[in-house]
Amino acid sequence: MQRIEHRASEDNRRASWDLRTKDGLEIAHGMYFYAVEAPGIGVKTGKFAVIK
């Protein structure tokens, strides 16, 4: 599990991930799940696939 901290502003509401592990290695292909927590919105979850 990896956590990405992001402080959103009116101009910048995006966060990015370079698809690398905490050790700097490329992630494996497969299905990944995510959870996004935002004030006033709550937690939203989803999934995405990495195909190499």
PDB file of N, CA and C in Angstrom:
ATOM      1  N   MET A   1       0.848  -1.169   0.000  1.00  0.00           N
ATOM      2  CA  MET A   1       0.000   0.000   0.000  1.00  0.00           C
ATOM      3  C   MET A   1       0.890   1.227   0.000  1.00  0.00           C
ATOM      4  N   GLN A   2       0.501   2.212  -0.775  1.00  0.00           N
ATOM      5  CA  GLN A   2       1.256   3.453  -0.844  1.00  0.00           C
ATOM      6  C   GLN A   2       0.301   4.619  -0.661  1.00  0.00           C
ATOM      7  N   ARG A   3       0.724   5.589   0.117  1.00  0.00           N
ATOM      8  CA  ARG A   3      -0.112   6.760   0.389  1.00  0.00           C
ATOM      9  C   ARG A   3       0.493   7.962  -0.329  1.00  0.00           C
ATOM     10  N   ILE A   4      -0.363   8.725  -1.007  1.00  0.00           N
ATOM     11  CA  ILE A   4       0.061   9.944  -1.690  1.00  0.00           C
ATOM     12  C   ILE A   4      -0.659  11.105  -1.029  1.00  0.00           C
ATOM     13  N   GLU A   5       0.091  11.988  -0.410  1.00  0.00           N
ATOM     14  CA  GLU A   5      -0.485  13.176   0.231  1.00  0.00           C
ATOM     15  C   GLU A   5      -0.549  14.300  -0.799  1.00  0.00           C
ATOM     16  N   HIS A   6      -1.648  15.017  -0.798  1.00  0.00           N
ATOM     17  CA  HIS A   6      -1.804  16.125  -1.735  1.00  0.00           C
ATOM     18  C   HIS A   6      -2.659  17.204  -1.097  1.00  0.00           C
ATOM     19  N   ARG A   7      -2.199  18.424  -1.167  1.00  0.00           N
ATOM     20  CA  ARG A   7      -2.962  19.569  -0.672  1.00  0.00           C
ATOM     21  C   ARG A   7      -3.571  20.269  -1.883  1.00  0.00           C
ATOM     22  N   ALA A   8      -4.848  20.073  -2.088  1.00  0.00           N
ATOM     23  CA  ALA A   8      -5.526  20.650  -3.253  1.00  0.00           C
ATOM     24  C   ALA A   8      -5.778  22.138  -3.055  1.00  0.00           C
ATOM     25  N   SER A   9      -5.765  22.849  -4.146  1.00  0.00           N
ATOM     26  CA  SER A   9      -6.132  24.262  -4.153  1.00  0.00           C
ATOM     27  C   SER A   9      -7.151  24.452  -5.274  1.00  0.00           C
ATOM     28  N   GLU A  10      -7.672  25.640  -5.406  1.00  0.00           N
ATOM     29  CA  GLU A  10      -8.639  25.910  -6.472  1.00  0.00           C
ATOM     30  C   GLU A  10      -8.020  25.682  -7.849  1.00  0.00           C
ATOM     31  N   ASP A  11      -6.709  25.926  -7.980  1.00  0.00           N
ATOM     32  CA  ASP A  11      -6.027  25.782  -9.269  1.00  0.00           C
ATOM     33  C   ASP A  11      -5.481  24.380  -9.507  1.00  0.00           C
ATOM     34  N   ASN A  12      -5.305  23.592  -8.444  1.00  0.00           N
ATOM     35  CA  ASN A  12      -4.636  22.302  -8.581  1.00  0.00           C
ATOM     36  C   ASN A  12      -5.364  21.243  -7.769  1.00  0.00           C
ATOM     37  N   ARG A  13      -6.190  20.460  -8.413  1.00  0.00           N
ATOM     38  CA  ARG A  13      -6.949  19.419  -7.722  1.00  0.00           C
ATOM     39  C   ARG A  13      -6.516  18.026  -8.137  1.00  0.00           C
ATOM     40  N   ARG A  14      -5.325  17.883  -8.689  1.00  0.00           N
ATOM     41  CA  ARG A  14      -4.847  16.588  -9.158  1.00  0.00           C
ATOM     42  C   ARG A  14      -3.638  16.131  -8.362  1.00  0.00           C
ATOM     43  N   ALA A  15      -3.517  14.827  -8.247  1.00  0.00           N
ATOM     44  CA  ALA A  15      -2.330  14.209  -7.656  1.00  0.00           C
ATOM     45  C   ALA A  15      -1.846  13.164  -8.642  1.00  0.00           C
ATOM     46  N   SER A  16      -0.556  12.940  -8.688  1.00  0.00           N
ATOM     47  CA  SER A  16      -0.029  11.960  -9.632  1.00  0.00           C
ATOM     48  C   SER A  16       0.852  10.944  -8.916  1.00  0.00           C
ATOM     49  N   TRP A  17       1.063   9.824  -9.587  1.00  0.00           N
ATOM     50  CA  TRP A  17       1.901   8.734  -9.078  1.00  0.00           C
ATOM     51  C   TRP A  17       2.723   8.240 -10.256  1.00  0.00           C
ATOM     52  N   ASP A  18       4.017   8.069 -10.069  1.00  0.00           N
ATOM     53  CA  ASP A  18       4.905   7.651 -11.155  1.00  0.00           C
ATOM     54  C   ASP A  18       4.898   6.141 -11.412  1.00  0.00           C
ATOM     55  N   LEU A  19       3.966   5.416 -10.810  1.00  0.00           N
ATOM     56  CA  LEU A  19       3.822   3.964 -10.965  1.00  0.00           C
ATOM     57  C   LEU A  19       5.068   3.209 -10.519  1.00  0.00           C
ATOM     58  N   ARG A  20       5.701   3.730  -9.468  1.00  0.00           N
ATOM     59  CA  ARG A  20       6.858   3.071  -8.869  1.00  0.00           C
ATOM     60  C   ARG A  20       6.569   2.788  -7.400  1.00  0.00           C
ATOM     61  N   THR A  21       7.239   1.767  -6.878  1.00  0.00           N
ATOM     62  CA  THR A  21       7.085   1.414  -5.471  1.00  0.00           C
ATOM     63  C   THR A  21       7.833   2.415  -4.604  1.00  0.00           C
ATOM     64  N   LYS A  22       7.705   2.265  -3.305  1.00  0.00           N
ATOM     65  CA  LYS A  22       8.439   3.127  -2.370  1.00  0.00           C
ATOM     66  C   LYS A  22       9.943   2.976  -2.541  1.00  0.00           C
ATOM     67  N   ASP A  23      10.386   1.804  -3.062  1.00  0.00           N
ATOM     68  CA  ASP A  23      11.811   1.538  -3.287  1.00  0.00           C
ATOM     69  C   ASP A  23      12.283   1.982  -4.666  1.00  0.00           C
ATOM     70  N   GLY A  24      11.398   2.570  -5.458  1.00  0.00           N
ATOM     71  CA  GLY A  24      11.769   3.079  -6.769  1.00  0.00           C
ATOM     72  C   GLY A  24      11.671   2.072  -7.899  1.00  0.00           C
ATOM     73  N   LEU A  25      11.114   0.897  -7.637  1.00  0.00           N
ATOM     74  CA  LEU A  25      10.964  -0.125  -8.671  1.00  0.00           C
ATOM     75  C   LEU A  25       9.644   0.059  -9.410  1.00  0.00           C
ATOM     76  N   GLU A  26       9.616  -0.336 -10.693  1.00  0.00           N
ATOM     77  CA  GLU A  26       8.365  -0.280 -11.446  1.00  0.00           C
ATOM     78  C   GLU A  26       7.366  -1.256 -10.848  1.00  0.00           C
ATOM     79  N   ILE A  27       6.105  -0.853 -10.797  1.00  0.00           N
ATOM     80  CA  ILE A  27       5.079  -1.754 -10.263  1.00  0.00           C
ATOM     81  C   ILE A  27       4.812  -2.883 -11.252  1.00  0.00           C
ATOM     82  N   ALA A  28       4.254  -3.967 -10.755  1.00  0.00           N
ATOM     83  CA  ALA A  28       3.887  -5.101 -11.600  1.00  0.00           C
ATOM     84  C   ALA A  28       2.573  -4.812 -12.314  1.00  0.00           C
ATOM     85  N   HIS A  29       2.346  -5.512 -13.426  1.00  0.00           N
ATOM     86  CA  HIS A  29       1.057  -5.367 -14.100  1.00  0.00           C
ATOM     87  C   HIS A  29      -0.015  -6.041 -13.247  1.00  0.00           C
ATOM     88  N   GLY A  30      -1.237  -5.611 -13.422  1.00  0.00           N
ATOM     89  CA  GLY A  30      -2.332  -6.198 -12.660  1.00  0.00           C
ATOM     90  C   GLY A  30      -3.380  -5.168 -12.300  1.00  0.00           C
ATOM     91  N   MET A  31      -4.273  -5.563 -11.421  1.00  0.00           N
ATOM     92  CA  MET A  31      -5.371  -4.709 -10.982  1.00  0.00           C
ATOM     93  C   MET A  31      -4.962  -3.996  -9.693  1.00  0.00           C
ATOM     94  N   TYR A  32      -5.216  -2.700  -9.629  1.00  0.00           N
ATOM     95  CA  TYR A  32      -4.896  -1.897  -8.454  1.00  0.00           C
ATOM     96  C   TYR A  32      -6.161  -1.213  -7.966  1.00  0.00           C
ATOM     97  N   PHE A  33      -6.271  -1.082  -6.675  1.00  0.00           N
ATOM     98  CA  PHE A  33      -7.420  -0.436  -6.042  1.00  0.00           C
ATOM     99  C   PHE A  33      -6.946   0.844  -5.369  1.00  0.00           C
ATOM    100  N   TYR A  34      -7.803   1.848  -5.336  1.00  0.00           N
ATOM    101  CA  TYR A  34      -7.437   3.106  -4.695  1.00  0.00           C
ATOM    102  C   TYR A  34      -8.600   3.637  -3.867  1.00  0.00           C
ATOM    103  N   ALA A  35      -8.255   4.500  -2.930  1.00  0.00           N
ATOM    104  CA  ALA A  35      -9.239   5.217  -2.119  1.00  0.00           C
ATOM    105  C   ALA A  35      -8.783   6.666  -2.039  1.00  0.00           C
ATOM    106  N   VAL A  36      -9.705   7.574  -2.283  1.00  0.00           N
ATOM    107  CA  VAL A  36      -9.422   9.006  -2.213  1.00  0.00           C
ATOM    108  C   VAL A  36     -10.318   9.590  -1.135  1.00  0.00           C
ATOM    109  N   GLU A  37      -9.697  10.315  -0.213  1.00  0.00           N
ATOM    110  CA  GLU A  37     -10.452  10.963   0.860  1.00  0.00           C
ATOM    111  C   GLU A  37     -10.335  12.470   0.696  1.00  0.00           C
ATOM    112  N   ALA A  38     -11.476  13.152   0.685  1.00  0.00           N
ATOM    113  CA  ALA A  38     -11.489  14.596   0.515  1.00  0.00           C
ATOM    114  C   ALA A  38     -12.471  15.221   1.494  1.00  0.00           C
ATOM    115  N   PRO A  39     -12.075  16.341   2.110  1.00  0.00           N
ATOM    116  CA  PRO A  39     -12.972  17.025   3.036  1.00  0.00           C
ATOM    117  C   PRO A  39     -14.271  17.428   2.342  1.00  0.00           C
ATOM    118  N   GLY A  40     -15.376  17.194   3.000  1.00  0.00           N
ATOM    119  CA  GLY A  40     -16.669  17.555   2.456  1.00  0.00           C
ATOM    120  C   GLY A  40     -17.224  16.570   1.443  1.00  0.00           C
ATOM    121  N   ILE A  41     -16.404  15.614   1.010  1.00  0.00           N
ATOM    122  CA  ILE A  41     -16.838  14.622   0.023  1.00  0.00           C
ATOM    123  C   ILE A  41     -16.843  13.226   0.622  1.00  0.00           C
ATOM    124  N   GLY A  42     -15.859  12.944   1.447  1.00  0.00           N
ATOM    125  CA  GLY A  42     -15.738  11.616   2.039  1.00  0.00           C
ATOM    126  C   GLY A  42     -14.723  10.775   1.294  1.00  0.00           C
ATOM    127  N   VAL A  43     -14.914   9.463   1.321  1.00  0.00           N
ATOM    128  CA  VAL A  43     -13.986   8.529   0.684  1.00  0.00           C
ATOM    129  C   VAL A  43     -14.627   7.967  -0.581  1.00  0.00           C
ATOM    130  N   LYS A  44     -13.888   8.019  -1.668  1.00  0.00           N
ATOM    131  CA  LYS A  44     -14.306   7.417  -2.935  1.00  0.00           C
ATOM    132  C   LYS A  44     -13.285   6.346  -3.293  1.00  0.00           C
ATOM    133  N   THR A  45     -13.755   5.199  -3.753  1.00  0.00           N
ATOM    134  CA  THR A  45     -12.866   4.101  -4.111  1.00  0.00           C
ATOM    135  C   THR A  45     -13.041   3.743  -5.578  1.00  0.00           C
ATOM    136  N   GLY A  46     -12.034   3.078  -6.109  1.00  0.00           N
ATOM    137  CA  GLY A  46     -12.092   2.640  -7.498  1.00  0.00           C
ATOM    138  C   GLY A  46     -10.973   1.661  -7.776  1.00  0.00           C
ATOM    139  N   LYS A  47     -10.815   1.332  -9.038  1.00  0.00           N
ATOM    140  CA  LYS A  47      -9.756   0.413  -9.433  1.00  0.00           C
ATOM    141  C   LYS A  47      -9.286   0.773 -10.830  1.00  0.00           C
ATOM    142  N   PHE A  48      -8.058   0.338 -11.155  1.00  0.00           N
ATOM    143  CA  PHE A  48      -7.521   0.522 -12.495  1.00  0.00           C
ATOM    144  C   PHE A  48      -6.576  -0.625 -12.798  1.00  0.00           C
ATOM    145  N   ALA A  49      -6.363  -0.878 -14.073  1.00  0.00           N
ATOM    146  CA  ALA A  49      -5.487  -1.966 -14.496  1.00  0.00           C
ATOM    147  C   ALA A  49      -4.213  -1.396 -15.098  1.00  0.00           C
ATOM    148  N   VAL A  50      -3.101  -2.060 -14.831  1.00  0.00           N
ATOM    149  CA  VAL A  50      -1.827  -1.737 -15.459  1.00  0.00           C
ATOM    150  C   VAL A  50      -1.506  -2.894 -16.395  1.00  0.00           C
ATOM    151  N   ILE A  51      -1.376  -2.586 -17.677  1.00  0.00           N
ATOM    152  CA  ILE A  51      -1.080  -3.590 -18.697  1.00  0.00           C
ATOM    153  C   ILE A  51       0.253  -3.220 -19.332  1.00  0.00           C
ATOM    154  N   LYS A  52       1.179  -4.157 -19.315  1.00  0.00           N
ATOM    155  CA  LYS A  52       2.500  -3.883 -19.904  1.00  0.00           C
ATOM    156  C   LYS A  52       2.700  -4.716 -21.140  1.00  0.00           C
TER     157      LYS A  52
END
